[in-house]
Amino acid sequence: MPAVFAVILAGGSGERFWPLSSKDRPKQFLNLIGERTMLQQTVDRLRGFVEPADVYVVTGRGYGNLVKEQVPEIPEANVIEEPCGRDTAAAAGLAAVYLARRDPQGAMIVLPADHYIADTARFRWILEIAVDTARSGEWLVTLGITPTRPETGYGYIQRGEMLRTVGSIAVYRALRFTEKPDQLKARRFLASGKYFWNSGMFIWRVNVILALFAEYLPELAAGLKRIAASLGTEREAAVIESVYPALPRISVDYGVMEQAKNVVVLPADFGWDDVGTWPAWARYGGNQDGQGNVIEGSGVLVESSGCVVRASKHVVGALGIRDIVIVEEDGRLLVCAKERAQEIKRLVAALKEAGYDDAV
């Protein structure tokens, strides 16, 4: 039986979670929800489904030691540091050339390191169906989340004809990928009942995705081929250092999934959230009061509603505010309109430009 590999993408900077997240310890290495970090929870979900020796983590330069510290059960050789961030197509491709040396026919599960999933048992069951579907080499599989609100922060997948069912799970042809829509389009998608949120979780065979890189992203494929030829030699580190930064910066969604004709989507209703912003964190963290406020740490909100407050050391007091995010962490303070939380990356960039590099 061909192998089943899991590749966890853990290279993001998590800037939307400033000031808790920083360049020294990005979001995926934080315990935002529960006692385990987001990376640890991702690895925990795979326990009993993928052997630790078959789990790989692709992370940013300098974060390898954090990965090894947090998930020591994963072999050190399976922790791959990118010289720089080149988006998900390059990250998945880099992992794929390592896996191809072990089993090019193997199934490759690609998972972001920073998602929340409530029902682990159902997640594994749906993953089993996805792996079974991908093993033939006929299909690229993605997991779609049934939308519950007109979310503008996620990409969407339009489903087409139903190809088959496995138990209660339908397998649909994926017709179209759409990047983050505006509010009007998101409402239309929700009302149609034909769209899923794009979870960013993919399952395919190793040799199949490498062939599709060659077809749709030949520049990326050429670079990966050079890297593949160096693996296991004394030139490996130097070649990766030289080739990887020149690879095209493109997501695997845009570079492959939106172009390929053999993509299927499985409804994956296992309590998913990408917890991408402070308002999203508030759905799971902190203590809620009767005015829609969520507070973690020490603080009092008077005549205030819809606010998100997280304080690590200091007491927060607020009076007469509405829909504001306040986060205090180690001498750094965020005050942000709740509706602008998706834009915190802009604030982080502005802080860097103003010379506050130590604060981010």
Protein backbone atom coordinates (compact mmCIF):
# COMPACT_ATOMS: atom_id res chain seq x y z
CA MET A 1 0.00 0.00 0.00
CA PRO A 2 1.41 3.45 -0.93
CA ALA A 3 2.35 5.68 1.97
CA VAL A 4 0.21 8.44 3.46
CA PHE A 5 2.14 11.61 4.24
CA ALA A 6 1.01 14.77 5.98
CA VAL A 7 2.63 18.12 5.25
CA ILE A 8 1.90 20.90 7.71
CA LEU A 9 2.49 24.43 6.42
CA ALA A 10 3.76 26.45 9.38
CA GLY A 11 5.52 29.36 7.75
CA GLY A 12 3.09 32.23 8.27
CA SER A 13 3.91 35.33 10.27
CA GLY A 14 0.51 35.67 11.96
CA GLU A 15 0.58 39.46 11.81
CA ARG A 16 -3.18 39.78 12.30
CA PHE A 17 -2.63 38.54 15.86
CA TRP A 18 -0.24 41.34 16.79
CA PRO A 19 0.70 42.13 19.52
CA LEU A 20 0.42 38.54 20.88
CA SER A 21 1.97 37.14 17.72
CA SER A 22 5.44 38.39 16.84
CA LYS A 23 8.24 37.57 14.43
CA ASP A 24 9.87 35.53 17.21
CA ARG A 25 6.75 33.47 17.90
CA PRO A 26 4.08 33.65 15.18
CA LYS A 27 0.47 32.55 15.55
CA GLN A 28 1.03 28.84 14.80
CA PHE A 29 3.33 28.54 17.83
CA LEU A 30 0.84 30.14 20.26
CA ASN A 31 -1.81 28.51 22.41
CA LEU A 32 -4.64 30.78 21.27
CA ILE A 33 -7.35 28.21 22.02
CA GLY A 34 -6.71 25.69 24.79
CA GLU A 35 -3.43 24.66 26.36
CA ARG A 36 -1.78 23.27 23.22
CA THR A 37 -0.39 25.51 20.50
CA MET A 38 -2.03 25.65 17.07
CA LEU A 39 0.82 23.57 15.59
CA GLN A 40 0.58 20.99 18.37
CA GLN A 41 -3.16 20.67 17.88
CA THR A 42 -2.66 20.13 14.14
CA VAL A 43 -0.19 17.30 14.81
CA ASP A 44 -2.44 15.86 17.55
CA ARG A 45 -5.32 15.50 15.06
CA LEU A 46 -3.18 13.26 12.86
CA ARG A 47 -2.29 10.87 15.68
CA GLY A 48 -3.36 7.35 14.79
CA PHE A 49 -3.95 8.34 11.15
CA VAL A 50 -0.47 9.32 9.94
CA GLU A 51 2.67 8.01 11.62
CA PRO A 52 4.97 10.69 13.10
CA ALA A 53 7.74 9.51 10.76
CA ASP A 54 5.46 10.45 7.83
CA VAL A 55 4.57 13.94 9.08
CA TYR A 56 6.56 16.84 7.64
CA VAL A 57 6.51 20.49 8.71
CA VAL A 58 7.48 23.28 6.33
CA THR A 59 8.28 26.41 8.31
CA GLY A 60 10.11 29.70 8.00
CA ARG A 61 13.79 30.25 8.54
CA GLY A 62 14.65 30.29 12.21
CA TYR A 63 11.49 28.49 13.33
CA GLY A 64 12.84 24.95 12.99
CA ASN A 65 13.89 24.81 16.64
CA LEU A 66 10.43 25.95 17.74
CA VAL A 67 8.87 23.14 15.69
CA LYS A 68 11.25 20.56 17.20
CA GLU A 69 10.58 21.89 20.69
CA GLN A 70 6.79 21.80 20.32
CA VAL A 71 6.41 18.52 18.38
CA PRO A 72 9.50 16.43 19.25
CA GLU A 73 7.82 13.26 18.01
CA ILE A 74 8.38 14.39 14.41
CA PRO A 75 11.84 13.38 13.11
CA GLU A 76 14.27 16.26 12.84
CA ALA A 77 14.85 15.46 9.17
CA ASN A 78 11.12 16.07 8.52
CA VAL A 79 11.33 19.72 9.61
CA ILE A 80 11.99 21.76 6.47
CA GLU A 81 12.96 25.42 6.77
CA GLU A 82 12.25 27.70 3.81
CA PRO A 83 15.02 30.24 3.13
CA CYS A 84 12.19 32.77 2.63
CA GLY A 85 8.44 32.77 2.18
CA ARG A 86 7.32 32.06 -1.42
CA ASP A 87 3.62 31.22 -0.74
CA THR A 88 1.94 27.83 -0.66
CA ALA A 89 2.79 26.47 -4.13
CA ALA A 90 6.52 26.63 -3.43
CA ALA A 91 6.09 25.33 0.13
CA ALA A 92 3.98 22.36 -0.99
CA GLY A 93 6.34 21.75 -3.90
CA LEU A 94 9.41 21.74 -1.65
CA ALA A 95 7.78 19.14 0.59
CA ALA A 96 6.69 17.09 -2.44
CA VAL A 97 10.26 16.67 -3.75
CA TYR A 98 11.29 15.28 -0.36
CA LEU A 99 8.31 12.90 -0.33
CA ALA A 100 8.95 11.78 -3.91
CA ARG A 101 12.26 10.28 -2.78
CA ARG A 102 10.35 8.06 -0.36
CA ASP A 103 7.20 7.17 -2.33
CA PRO A 104 6.10 9.12 -5.42
CA GLN A 105 2.82 7.17 -5.43
CA GLY A 106 2.08 8.19 -1.84
CA ALA A 107 -0.87 10.32 -0.82
CA MET A 108 0.06 13.80 0.38
CA ILE A 109 -2.18 15.65 2.84
CA VAL A 110 -1.49 19.40 3.02
CA LEU A 111 -2.73 21.17 6.16
CA PRO A 112 -2.24 24.72 7.47
CA ALA A 113 -0.76 24.74 10.97
CA ASP A 114 -3.10 27.32 12.43
CA HIS A 115 -6.67 26.06 12.09
CA TYR A 116 -9.17 25.15 14.78
CA ILE A 117 -11.17 21.92 14.36
CA ALA A 118 -13.73 20.92 16.98
CA ASP A 119 -14.53 17.32 15.95
CA THR A 120 -11.27 15.42 15.52
CA ALA A 121 -12.93 12.04 14.94
CA ARG A 122 -15.03 13.39 12.06
CA PHE A 123 -11.98 15.19 10.67
CA ARG A 124 -10.07 11.90 10.49
CA TRP A 125 -13.02 10.09 8.91
CA ILE A 126 -13.39 12.71 6.16
CA LEU A 127 -9.62 12.71 5.68
CA GLU A 128 -9.76 8.94 5.16
CA ILE A 129 -12.34 9.40 2.39
CA ALA A 130 -10.21 12.16 0.86
CA VAL A 131 -7.08 9.99 0.86
CA ASP A 132 -9.01 7.09 -0.68
CA THR A 133 -10.29 9.43 -3.40
CA ALA A 134 -6.83 10.85 -4.14
CA ARG A 135 -4.99 7.51 -4.16
CA SER A 136 -6.15 6.61 -7.68
CA GLY A 137 -4.23 9.59 -9.05
CA GLU A 138 -7.34 10.73 -10.90
CA TRP A 139 -8.33 13.51 -8.51
CA LEU A 140 -7.00 16.46 -6.56
CA VAL A 141 -9.10 16.69 -3.41
CA THR A 142 -9.92 19.77 -1.38
CA LEU A 143 -12.04 20.06 1.74
CA GLY A 144 -14.83 22.63 1.66
CA ILE A 145 -16.60 24.10 4.68
CA THR A 146 -20.35 24.78 4.47
CA PRO A 147 -20.63 28.56 5.02
CA THR A 148 -22.67 29.79 7.97
CA ARG A 149 -22.38 33.53 7.26
CA PRO A 150 -21.46 35.82 4.33
CA GLU A 151 -17.76 35.82 5.24
CA THR A 152 -15.55 38.11 3.14
CA GLY A 153 -12.28 36.93 4.69
CA TYR A 154 -12.29 33.45 3.08
CA GLY A 155 -12.03 32.13 -0.45
CA TYR A 156 -14.95 30.11 -1.85
CA ILE A 157 -15.34 26.95 -3.94
CA GLN A 158 -18.38 26.43 -6.18
CA ARG A 159 -19.50 22.82 -6.31
CA GLY A 160 -20.64 21.08 -9.46
CA GLU A 161 -22.10 17.63 -10.07
CA MET A 162 -22.01 14.99 -7.36
CA LEU A 163 -19.71 12.19 -8.47
CA ARG A 164 -20.36 9.70 -5.68
CA THR A 165 -21.13 9.33 -2.00
CA VAL A 166 -19.16 7.58 0.72
CA GLY A 167 -21.46 7.03 3.67
CA SER A 168 -23.02 10.43 4.27
CA ILE A 169 -20.23 12.32 2.50
CA ALA A 170 -20.79 13.50 -1.06
CA VAL A 171 -17.90 13.96 -3.46
CA TYR A 172 -18.51 16.92 -5.78
CA ARG A 173 -16.63 18.18 -8.77
CA ALA A 174 -15.16 21.60 -7.98
CA LEU A 175 -16.31 24.08 -10.63
CA ARG A 176 -14.70 27.33 -9.59
CA PHE A 177 -12.44 28.89 -6.96
CA THR A 178 -13.16 32.50 -6.00
CA GLU A 179 -10.87 34.72 -3.98
CA LYS A 180 -12.22 36.68 -1.01
CA PRO A 181 -15.50 38.24 -2.25
CA ASP A 182 -17.17 41.51 -1.30
CA GLN A 183 -20.18 41.45 1.02
CA LEU A 184 -22.77 41.38 -1.78
CA LYS A 185 -21.12 38.45 -3.56
CA ALA A 186 -20.62 36.58 -0.26
CA ARG A 187 -24.34 36.92 0.48
CA ARG A 188 -25.16 35.58 -2.98
CA PHE A 189 -22.83 32.62 -2.48
CA LEU A 190 -24.41 31.83 0.88
CA ALA A 191 -27.96 32.03 -0.49
CA SER A 192 -27.21 29.75 -3.45
CA GLY A 193 -26.24 26.77 -1.28
CA LYS A 194 -23.68 25.80 -3.94
CA TYR A 195 -20.55 27.25 -2.40
CA PHE A 196 -18.09 26.13 0.27
CA TRP A 197 -15.47 28.07 2.12
CA ASN A 198 -12.01 27.11 0.90
CA SER A 199 -10.34 25.52 3.94
CA GLY A 200 -6.88 25.45 2.37
CA MET A 201 -6.62 21.70 3.05
CA PHE A 202 -5.63 19.57 0.04
CA ILE A 203 -5.03 15.90 -0.64
CA TRP A 204 -3.33 14.52 -3.76
CA ARG A 205 -0.75 12.01 -4.87
CA VAL A 206 2.86 13.20 -4.76
CA ASN A 207 3.64 12.46 -8.41
CA VAL A 208 0.33 13.98 -9.54
CA ILE A 209 0.94 17.39 -7.96
CA LEU A 210 4.52 17.48 -9.26
CA ALA A 211 3.22 16.75 -12.78
CA LEU A 212 0.66 19.55 -12.46
CA PHE A 213 3.34 21.98 -11.30
CA ALA A 214 5.19 21.11 -14.51
CA GLU A 215 2.03 21.74 -16.55
CA TYR A 216 0.76 24.94 -14.94
CA LEU A 217 3.82 26.42 -13.18
CA PRO A 218 6.83 25.38 -15.29
CA GLU A 219 9.17 27.93 -13.68
CA LEU A 220 8.37 26.52 -10.24
CA ALA A 221 8.71 22.95 -11.52
CA ALA A 222 12.15 23.69 -13.01
CA GLY A 223 13.38 25.06 -9.68
CA LEU A 224 11.97 22.10 -7.79
CA LYS A 225 13.71 19.73 -10.20
CA ARG A 226 17.06 21.36 -9.40
CA ILE A 227 16.35 21.05 -5.69
CA ALA A 228 15.28 17.41 -6.08
CA ALA A 229 18.56 16.55 -7.82
CA SER A 230 20.53 17.94 -4.86
CA LEU A 231 18.67 16.15 -2.06
CA GLY A 232 20.85 13.80 -0.06
CA THR A 233 24.06 15.35 -1.40
CA GLU A 234 26.49 17.83 0.14
CA ARG A 235 25.06 20.46 -2.26
CA GLU A 236 21.52 20.23 -0.86
CA ALA A 237 21.59 23.25 1.48
CA ALA A 238 23.42 25.47 -1.01
CA VAL A 239 21.07 24.61 -3.88
CA ILE A 240 17.95 25.26 -1.81
CA GLU A 241 19.48 28.55 -0.62
CA SER A 242 20.16 29.57 -4.21
CA VAL A 243 17.06 28.27 -6.00
CA TYR A 244 14.19 28.70 -3.55
CA PRO A 245 14.17 32.53 -3.27
CA ALA A 246 13.86 32.76 -7.07
CA LEU A 247 10.76 30.52 -7.25
CA PRO A 248 7.53 32.29 -8.26
CA ARG A 249 5.49 33.60 -5.34
CA ILE A 250 2.04 32.11 -5.92
CA SER A 251 -0.54 30.17 -3.96
CA VAL A 252 -1.28 26.56 -4.87
CA ASP A 253 -4.95 27.55 -5.08
CA TYR A 254 -4.31 30.12 -7.80
CA GLY A 255 -1.43 28.34 -9.50
CA VAL A 256 -2.92 24.84 -9.77
CA MET A 257 -6.33 24.28 -8.20
CA GLU A 258 -8.08 27.05 -10.15
CA GLN A 259 -6.70 25.70 -13.44
CA ALA A 260 -6.84 21.92 -13.03
CA LYS A 261 -9.86 20.08 -14.41
CA ASN A 262 -9.71 17.13 -12.03
CA VAL A 263 -10.49 18.81 -8.69
CA VAL A 264 -13.13 17.50 -6.31
CA VAL A 265 -14.44 18.99 -3.09
CA LEU A 266 -15.67 17.12 -0.03
CA PRO A 267 -18.02 18.82 2.45
CA ALA A 268 -16.03 18.93 5.66
CA ASP A 269 -18.30 19.88 8.52
CA PHE A 270 -16.16 19.18 11.56
CA GLY A 271 -16.31 22.50 13.36
CA TRP A 272 -13.65 24.36 11.38
CA ASP A 273 -12.34 27.89 11.78
CA ASP A 274 -9.10 29.40 10.57
CA VAL A 275 -9.11 31.75 13.58
CA GLY A 276 -7.57 34.40 11.39
CA THR A 277 -8.41 37.54 13.38
CA TRP A 278 -9.06 38.67 16.93
CA PRO A 279 -12.87 38.71 16.39
CA ALA A 280 -12.58 35.09 15.14
CA TRP A 281 -10.60 34.17 18.28
CA ALA A 282 -13.41 35.69 20.36
CA ARG A 283 -15.76 32.94 19.17
CA TYR A 284 -13.73 30.45 21.23
CA GLY A 285 -11.60 32.31 23.77
CA GLY A 286 -12.22 34.51 26.78
CA ASN A 287 -15.27 35.07 28.96
CA GLN A 288 -18.41 36.49 27.41
CA ASP A 289 -20.71 38.93 29.12
CA GLY A 290 -24.30 39.86 28.37
CA GLN A 291 -23.31 42.75 26.09
CA GLY A 292 -21.43 40.72 23.48
CA ASN A 293 -18.02 41.54 24.95
CA VAL A 294 -15.31 38.89 25.23
CA ILE A 295 -12.63 39.41 27.86
CA GLU A 296 -9.55 37.36 28.72
CA GLY A 297 -7.37 38.70 31.50
CA SER A 298 -8.10 41.57 33.86
CA GLY A 299 -10.51 44.27 32.83
CA VAL A 300 -13.87 45.95 33.21
CA LEU A 301 -16.08 47.25 30.41
CA VAL A 302 -18.79 49.74 31.39
CA GLU A 303 -21.64 50.63 29.03
CA SER A 304 -19.73 48.94 26.23
CA SER A 305 -20.76 46.23 23.76
CA GLY A 306 -19.32 43.93 21.09
CA CYS A 307 -15.72 44.42 22.22
CA VAL A 308 -12.81 41.96 22.28
CA VAL A 309 -10.29 42.43 25.11
CA ARG A 310 -7.24 40.32 25.90
CA ALA A 311 -4.82 41.56 28.55
CA SER A 312 -1.73 39.64 29.66
CA LYS A 313 -0.33 41.81 32.47
CA HIS A 314 -2.27 45.03 32.89
CA VAL A 315 -5.84 45.89 33.84
CA VAL A 316 -7.98 47.25 31.01
CA GLY A 317 -10.82 49.66 31.78
CA ALA A 318 -13.15 50.92 29.06
CA LEU A 319 -16.24 53.12 29.12
CA GLY A 320 -18.83 53.72 26.45
CA ILE A 321 -17.15 51.95 23.52
CA ARG A 322 -18.57 49.60 20.92
CA ASP A 323 -17.05 47.00 18.58
CA ILE A 324 -13.42 47.69 19.55
CA VAL A 325 -10.51 45.24 19.85
CA ILE A 326 -8.06 45.91 22.69
CA VAL A 327 -5.09 43.56 23.14
CA GLU A 328 -2.23 44.15 25.58
CA GLU A 329 0.87 41.99 25.52
CA ASP A 330 4.25 42.64 27.11
CA GLY A 331 4.17 46.42 26.84
CA ARG A 332 2.55 46.49 23.40
CA LEU A 333 -1.03 47.68 22.93
CA LEU A 334 -3.47 47.21 20.05
CA VAL A 335 -6.62 49.32 19.75
CA CYS A 336 -8.57 48.54 16.60
CA ALA A 337 -12.07 48.87 15.19
CA LYS A 338 -13.49 45.33 15.16
CA GLU A 339 -14.54 45.66 11.52
CA ARG A 340 -10.95 46.54 10.55
CA ALA A 341 -9.30 43.55 12.25
CA GLN A 342 -8.46 41.98 8.87
CA GLU A 343 -6.22 44.98 8.21
CA ILE A 344 -3.88 44.66 11.20
CA LYS A 345 -1.12 43.67 8.78
CA ARG A 346 -1.22 47.30 7.58
CA LEU A 347 -0.66 48.47 11.13
CA VAL A 348 2.28 46.09 11.60
CA ALA A 349 3.83 47.39 8.37
CA ALA A 350 3.33 50.97 9.57
CA LEU A 351 5.01 50.17 12.89
CA LYS A 352 8.02 48.73 11.05
CA GLU A 353 8.19 51.77 8.79
CA ALA A 354 8.10 54.05 11.84
CA GLY A 355 11.09 52.23 13.32
CA TYR A 356 9.31 50.07 15.88
CA ASP A 357 10.79 46.80 14.63
CA ASP A 358 11.36 45.56 18.17
CA ALA A 359 7.62 45.83 18.83
CA VAL A 360 6.62 43.48 16.03
